Amino acid sequence: MEQVILVDEQDNEVGVMEKMQAHVEGRLHRAVSVFLFNAKNEMLLQQRAFSKYHSGGLWSNTCCSHPAPGEKVADAAVRRLGEEMGMNCPLQISFTFIYKAHLDHGLTEFEYDHVFTGITDQQPIPNPDEVTAWKYMSRERLLADMLLNPQDYTEWFKICLQDHSQAIFS
């Protein structure tokens, strides 16, 4: 049973909880998001596997997850990049932010998200249990498509790009 780290609004740990329960109750917990770019400054997107417990089949950032209790956020970002996309490249922390989004199946994401970025031309080898498809998109094409087809993208990805696009693409 996977657990998440519950935090306060300053990212201080206040406990742990089973992941699904945290999403049912909408409890604030620690998360990591990774945004990879190629040499042309195109973002690597993943389409979440349709079998995921929420947001299945939607397009999102390169990968995202939750650190395990006792795991550093940077280590969780590297681990999940390998587990989801079969990739390993240097990552740097870009910023943190808190967001709350209501999802399908009556779930709520309420996360203190640590956002990491990296640059690589390595080709992903995605885990089919996590990822259905992947593609690179330019900032302009991505933002235009997100406006035309918001239903195709995860809620947290839309929030992050709306509020932090400049920091992500810098």
C-alpha atoms as a PDB file:
ATOM      1  CA  MET A   1       0.000   0.000   0.000  1.00  0.00           C
ATOM      2  CA  GLU A   2       1.652   3.199  -1.228  1.00  0.00           C
ATOM      3  CA  GLN A   3       1.793   6.087   1.227  1.00  0.00           C
ATOM      4  CA  VAL A   4       2.175   9.823   0.684  1.00  0.00           C
ATOM      5  CA  ILE A   5       3.713  12.427   2.958  1.00  0.00           C
ATOM      6  CA  LEU A   6       1.160  14.842   4.395  1.00  0.00           C
ATOM      7  CA  VAL A   7       2.497  18.391   4.718  1.00  0.00           C
ATOM      8  CA  ASP A   8       1.410  21.851   5.831  1.00  0.00           C
ATOM      9  CA  GLU A   9       1.510  24.910   3.559  1.00  0.00           C
ATOM     10  CA  GLN A  10       5.227  25.422   4.352  1.00  0.00           C
ATOM     11  CA  ASP A  11       6.019  21.814   3.272  1.00  0.00           C
ATOM     12  CA  ASN A  12       6.618  20.637   6.848  1.00  0.00           C
ATOM     13  CA  GLU A  13       5.763  16.975   7.302  1.00  0.00           C
ATOM     14  CA  VAL A  14       2.684  16.393   9.449  1.00  0.00           C
ATOM     15  CA  GLY A  15       2.166  12.659   8.858  1.00  0.00           C
ATOM     16  CA  VAL A  16       1.680   9.945   6.269  1.00  0.00           C
ATOM     17  CA  MET A  17      -1.455   8.506   4.703  1.00  0.00           C
ATOM     18  CA  GLU A  18      -2.360   5.836   2.197  1.00  0.00           C
ATOM     19  CA  LYS A  19      -2.233   7.467  -1.245  1.00  0.00           C
ATOM     20  CA  MET A  20      -5.795   6.746  -2.327  1.00  0.00           C
ATOM     21  CA  GLN A  21      -7.190   7.918   1.016  1.00  0.00           C
ATOM     22  CA  ALA A  22      -5.279  11.203   0.700  1.00  0.00           C
ATOM     23  CA  HIS A  23      -6.897  11.729  -2.715  1.00  0.00           C
ATOM     24  CA  VAL A  24     -10.364  10.787  -1.445  1.00  0.00           C
ATOM     25  CA  GLU A  25     -10.078  13.196   1.505  1.00  0.00           C
ATOM     26  CA  GLY A  26      -8.260  15.909  -0.474  1.00  0.00           C
ATOM     27  CA  ARG A  27      -5.382  16.146   2.029  1.00  0.00           C
ATOM     28  CA  LEU A  28      -2.342  18.317   1.263  1.00  0.00           C
ATOM     29  CA  HIS A  29       0.613  16.068   0.422  1.00  0.00           C
ATOM     30  CA  ARG A  30       4.080  16.294  -1.126  1.00  0.00           C
ATOM     31  CA  ALA A  31       4.516  15.649  -4.840  1.00  0.00           C
ATOM     32  CA  VAL A  32       7.128  15.886  -7.592  1.00  0.00           C
ATOM     33  CA  SER A  33       6.683  16.867 -11.244  1.00  0.00           C
ATOM     34  CA  VAL A  34       9.295  16.524 -13.985  1.00  0.00           C
ATOM     35  CA  PHE A  35       9.395  18.562 -17.189  1.00  0.00           C
ATOM     36  CA  LEU A  36      11.985  17.423 -19.741  1.00  0.00           C
ATOM     37  CA  PHE A  37      12.976  19.331 -22.854  1.00  0.00           C
ATOM     38  CA  ASN A  38      15.005  18.385 -25.911  1.00  0.00           C
ATOM     39  CA  ALA A  39      17.706  20.510 -27.546  1.00  0.00           C
ATOM     40  CA  LYS A  40      14.990  22.310 -29.577  1.00  0.00           C
ATOM     41  CA  ASN A  41      13.312  23.390 -26.294  1.00  0.00           C
ATOM     42  CA  GLU A  42      10.309  21.143 -26.968  1.00  0.00           C
ATOM     43  CA  MET A  43       8.618  19.625 -23.921  1.00  0.00           C
ATOM     44  CA  LEU A  44       8.297  15.867 -23.564  1.00  0.00           C
ATOM     45  CA  LEU A  45       4.676  14.997 -22.773  1.00  0.00           C
ATOM     46  CA  GLN A  46       3.223  11.672 -21.752  1.00  0.00           C
ATOM     47  CA  GLN A  47      -0.259  10.343 -22.262  1.00  0.00           C
ATOM     48  CA  ARG A  48      -1.215   8.625 -19.028  1.00  0.00           C
ATOM     49  CA  ALA A  49      -2.142   4.962 -19.289  1.00  0.00           C
ATOM     50  CA  PHE A  50      -5.904   4.473 -19.576  1.00  0.00           C
ATOM     51  CA  SER A  51      -5.722   2.080 -16.612  1.00  0.00           C
ATOM     52  CA  LYS A  52      -4.502   4.787 -14.167  1.00  0.00           C
ATOM     53  CA  TYR A  53      -6.735   5.342 -11.133  1.00  0.00           C
ATOM     54  CA  HIS A  54      -7.439   8.903 -12.274  1.00  0.00           C
ATOM     55  CA  SER A  55      -6.879  11.045 -15.353  1.00  0.00           C
ATOM     56  CA  GLY A  56      -6.327   7.980 -17.553  1.00  0.00           C
ATOM     57  CA  GLY A  57      -5.637   8.752 -21.212  1.00  0.00           C
ATOM     58  CA  LEU A  58      -4.938  12.451 -20.568  1.00  0.00           C
ATOM     59  CA  TRP A  59      -1.769  14.224 -21.679  1.00  0.00           C
ATOM     60  CA  SER A  60       0.532  15.592 -19.003  1.00  0.00           C
ATOM     61  CA  ASN A  61       4.079  16.645 -18.179  1.00  0.00           C
ATOM     62  CA  THR A  62       6.936  14.163 -18.569  1.00  0.00           C
ATOM     63  CA  CYS A  63       6.201  12.461 -15.243  1.00  0.00           C
ATOM     64  CA  CYS A  64       4.916  13.122 -11.761  1.00  0.00           C
ATOM     65  CA  SER A  65       4.518  11.234  -8.527  1.00  0.00           C
ATOM     66  CA  HIS A  66       4.887  11.338  -4.763  1.00  0.00           C
ATOM     67  CA  PRO A  67       8.018  10.835  -2.663  1.00  0.00           C
ATOM     68  CA  ALA A  68       7.814   7.863  -0.340  1.00  0.00           C
ATOM     69  CA  PRO A  69       8.098   8.496   3.405  1.00  0.00           C
ATOM     70  CA  GLY A  70      11.771   9.211   4.121  1.00  0.00           C
ATOM     71  CA  GLU A  71      12.623   9.797   0.434  1.00  0.00           C
ATOM     72  CA  LYS A  72      14.092  13.119  -0.724  1.00  0.00           C
ATOM     73  CA  VAL A  73      12.092  14.929  -3.399  1.00  0.00           C
ATOM     74  CA  ALA A  74      15.038  14.961  -5.847  1.00  0.00           C
ATOM     75  CA  ASP A  75      15.475  11.197  -5.424  1.00  0.00           C
ATOM     76  CA  ALA A  76      11.747  10.660  -6.053  1.00  0.00           C
ATOM     77  CA  ALA A  77      11.905  12.722  -9.266  1.00  0.00           C
ATOM     78  CA  VAL A  78      14.836  10.667 -10.590  1.00  0.00           C
ATOM     79  CA  ARG A  79      13.210   7.382  -9.530  1.00  0.00           C
ATOM     80  CA  ARG A  80       9.880   8.133 -11.192  1.00  0.00           C
ATOM     81  CA  LEU A  81      11.500   9.404 -14.395  1.00  0.00           C
ATOM     82  CA  GLY A  82      13.145   5.986 -14.668  1.00  0.00           C
ATOM     83  CA  GLU A  83      10.041   4.029 -13.655  1.00  0.00           C
ATOM     84  CA  GLU A  84       7.603   5.876 -15.922  1.00  0.00           C
ATOM     85  CA  MET A  85       9.676   6.939 -18.923  1.00  0.00           C
ATOM     86  CA  GLY A  86      12.744   4.678 -18.754  1.00  0.00           C
ATOM     87  CA  MET A  87      14.982   7.745 -18.744  1.00  0.00           C
ATOM     88  CA  ASN A  88      17.782   9.139 -16.622  1.00  0.00           C
ATOM     89  CA  CYS A  89      19.124  12.669 -17.014  1.00  0.00           C
ATOM     90  CA  PRO A  90      20.287  15.472 -14.725  1.00  0.00           C
ATOM     91  CA  LEU A  91      17.371  17.300 -13.100  1.00  0.00           C
ATOM     92  CA  GLN A  92      17.270  20.623 -11.306  1.00  0.00           C
ATOM     93  CA  ILE A  93      14.611  21.990  -8.985  1.00  0.00           C
ATOM     94  CA  SER A  94      12.866  24.951 -10.630  1.00  0.00           C
ATOM     95  CA  PHE A  95      10.158  25.958  -8.149  1.00  0.00           C
ATOM     96  CA  THR A  96       7.457  24.716  -5.807  1.00  0.00           C
ATOM     97  CA  PHE A  97       3.762  25.535  -5.723  1.00  0.00           C
ATOM     98  CA  ILE A  98       0.542  24.397  -4.099  1.00  0.00           C
ATOM     99  CA  TYR A  99      -2.524  23.534  -6.118  1.00  0.00           C
ATOM    100  CA  LYS A 100      -5.868  21.872  -5.602  1.00  0.00           C
ATOM    101  CA  ALA A 101      -7.780  20.163  -8.409  1.00  0.00           C
ATOM    102  CA  HIS A 102     -10.921  18.049  -8.457  1.00  0.00           C
ATOM    103  CA  LEU A 103     -10.469  14.946 -10.611  1.00  0.00           C
ATOM    104  CA  ASP A 104     -12.541  12.134 -12.008  1.00  0.00           C
ATOM    105  CA  HIS A 105     -13.809   9.338  -9.720  1.00  0.00           C
ATOM    106  CA  GLY A 106     -14.503  11.866  -6.919  1.00  0.00           C
ATOM    107  CA  LEU A 107     -10.787  12.339  -6.177  1.00  0.00           C
ATOM    108  CA  THR A 108      -8.962  15.550  -5.282  1.00  0.00           C
ATOM    109  CA  GLU A 109      -5.311  16.396  -5.840  1.00  0.00           C
ATOM    110  CA  PHE A 110      -4.119  18.824  -3.176  1.00  0.00           C
ATOM    111  CA  GLU A 111      -0.369  18.937  -3.559  1.00  0.00           C
ATOM    112  CA  TYR A 112       2.722  20.784  -2.505  1.00  0.00           C
ATOM    113  CA  ASP A 113       4.498  20.150  -5.795  1.00  0.00           C
ATOM    114  CA  HIS A 114       8.269  20.275  -6.309  1.00  0.00           C
ATOM    115  CA  VAL A 115       8.894  20.949 -10.009  1.00  0.00           C
ATOM    116  CA  PHE A 116      12.079  19.659 -11.671  1.00  0.00           C
ATOM    117  CA  THR A 117      13.337  20.352 -15.185  1.00  0.00           C
ATOM    118  CA  GLY A 118      15.976  18.754 -17.372  1.00  0.00           C
ATOM    119  CA  ILE A 119      17.322  18.748 -20.912  1.00  0.00           C
ATOM    120  CA  THR A 120      17.989  15.587 -22.890  1.00  0.00           C
ATOM    121  CA  ASP A 121      17.646  14.176 -26.387  1.00  0.00           C
ATOM    122  CA  GLN A 122      17.431  10.647 -25.000  1.00  0.00           C
ATOM    123  CA  GLN A 123      14.434   8.720 -26.336  1.00  0.00           C
ATOM    124  CA  PRO A 124      11.972   7.526 -23.696  1.00  0.00           C
ATOM    125  CA  ILE A 125      11.239   3.841 -23.177  1.00  0.00           C
ATOM    126  CA  PRO A 126       7.917   4.223 -21.359  1.00  0.00           C
ATOM    127  CA  ASN A 127       6.441   1.709 -18.949  1.00  0.00           C
ATOM    128  CA  PRO A 128       3.112   0.667 -20.572  1.00  0.00           C
ATOM    129  CA  ASP A 129       1.494   0.382 -17.123  1.00  0.00           C
ATOM    130  CA  GLU A 130       2.123   4.118 -16.682  1.00  0.00           C
ATOM    131  CA  VAL A 131       2.255   5.658 -20.172  1.00  0.00           C
ATOM    132  CA  THR A 132       0.216   5.040 -23.344  1.00  0.00           C
ATOM    133  CA  ALA A 133       2.076   7.439 -25.671  1.00  0.00           C
ATOM    134  CA  TRP A 134       4.568  10.302 -25.686  1.00  0.00           C
ATOM    135  CA  LYS A 135       5.439  13.278 -27.873  1.00  0.00           C
ATOM    136  CA  TYR A 136       7.477  16.459 -27.932  1.00  0.00           C
ATOM    137  CA  MET A 137       5.677  19.794 -28.343  1.00  0.00           C
ATOM    138  CA  SER A 138       6.848  23.382 -28.644  1.00  0.00           C
ATOM    139  CA  ARG A 139       5.596  25.881 -26.084  1.00  0.00           C
ATOM    140  CA  GLU A 140       3.465  27.671 -28.671  1.00  0.00           C
ATOM    141  CA  ARG A 141       1.862  24.491 -30.027  1.00  0.00           C
ATOM    142  CA  LEU A 142       1.246  23.106 -26.552  1.00  0.00           C
ATOM    143  CA  LEU A 143      -0.374  26.254 -25.173  1.00  0.00           C
ATOM    144  CA  ALA A 144      -2.523  26.665 -28.290  1.00  0.00           C
ATOM    145  CA  ASP A 145      -3.674  23.031 -28.160  1.00  0.00           C
ATOM    146  CA  MET A 146      -4.378  23.284 -24.445  1.00  0.00           C
ATOM    147  CA  LEU A 147      -6.694  26.241 -25.127  1.00  0.00           C
ATOM    148  CA  LEU A 148      -8.506  24.386 -27.915  1.00  0.00           C
ATOM    149  CA  ASN A 149      -8.657  20.981 -26.201  1.00  0.00           C
ATOM    150  CA  PRO A 150      -8.454  21.454 -22.417  1.00  0.00           C
ATOM    151  CA  GLN A 151     -10.272  18.158 -21.852  1.00  0.00           C
ATOM    152  CA  ASP A 152      -7.227  16.301 -23.264  1.00  0.00           C
ATOM    153  CA  TYR A 153      -4.868  17.449 -20.473  1.00  0.00           C
ATOM    154  CA  THR A 154      -4.528  16.708 -16.769  1.00  0.00           C
ATOM    155  CA  GLU A 155      -5.813  19.332 -14.362  1.00  0.00           C
ATOM    156  CA  TRP A 156      -2.457  19.811 -12.591  1.00  0.00           C
ATOM    157  CA  PHE A 157      -0.639  20.226 -15.910  1.00  0.00           C
ATOM    158  CA  LYS A 158      -3.059  22.961 -17.007  1.00  0.00           C
ATOM    159  CA  ILE A 159      -2.733  24.739 -13.652  1.00  0.00           C
ATOM    160  CA  CYS A 160       1.059  24.507 -13.669  1.00  0.00           C
ATOM    161  CA  LEU A 161       1.387  25.849 -17.217  1.00  0.00           C
ATOM    162  CA  GLN A 162      -1.166  28.602 -16.639  1.00  0.00           C
ATOM    163  CA  ASP A 163       0.533  29.841 -13.468  1.00  0.00           C
ATOM    164  CA  HIS A 164       4.204  28.982 -14.077  1.00  0.00           C
ATOM    165  CA  SER A 165       4.778  28.761 -17.841  1.00  0.00           C
ATOM    166  CA  GLN A 166       7.585  31.330 -17.757  1.00  0.00           C
ATOM    167  CA  ALA A 167       9.535  29.429 -15.097  1.00  0.00           C
ATOM    168  CA  ILE A 168       9.055  26.075 -16.827  1.00  0.00           C
ATOM    169  CA  PHE A 169      10.140  27.213 -20.281  1.00  0.00           C
ATOM    170  CA  SER A 170      13.030  29.449 -19.148  1.00  0.00           C
END
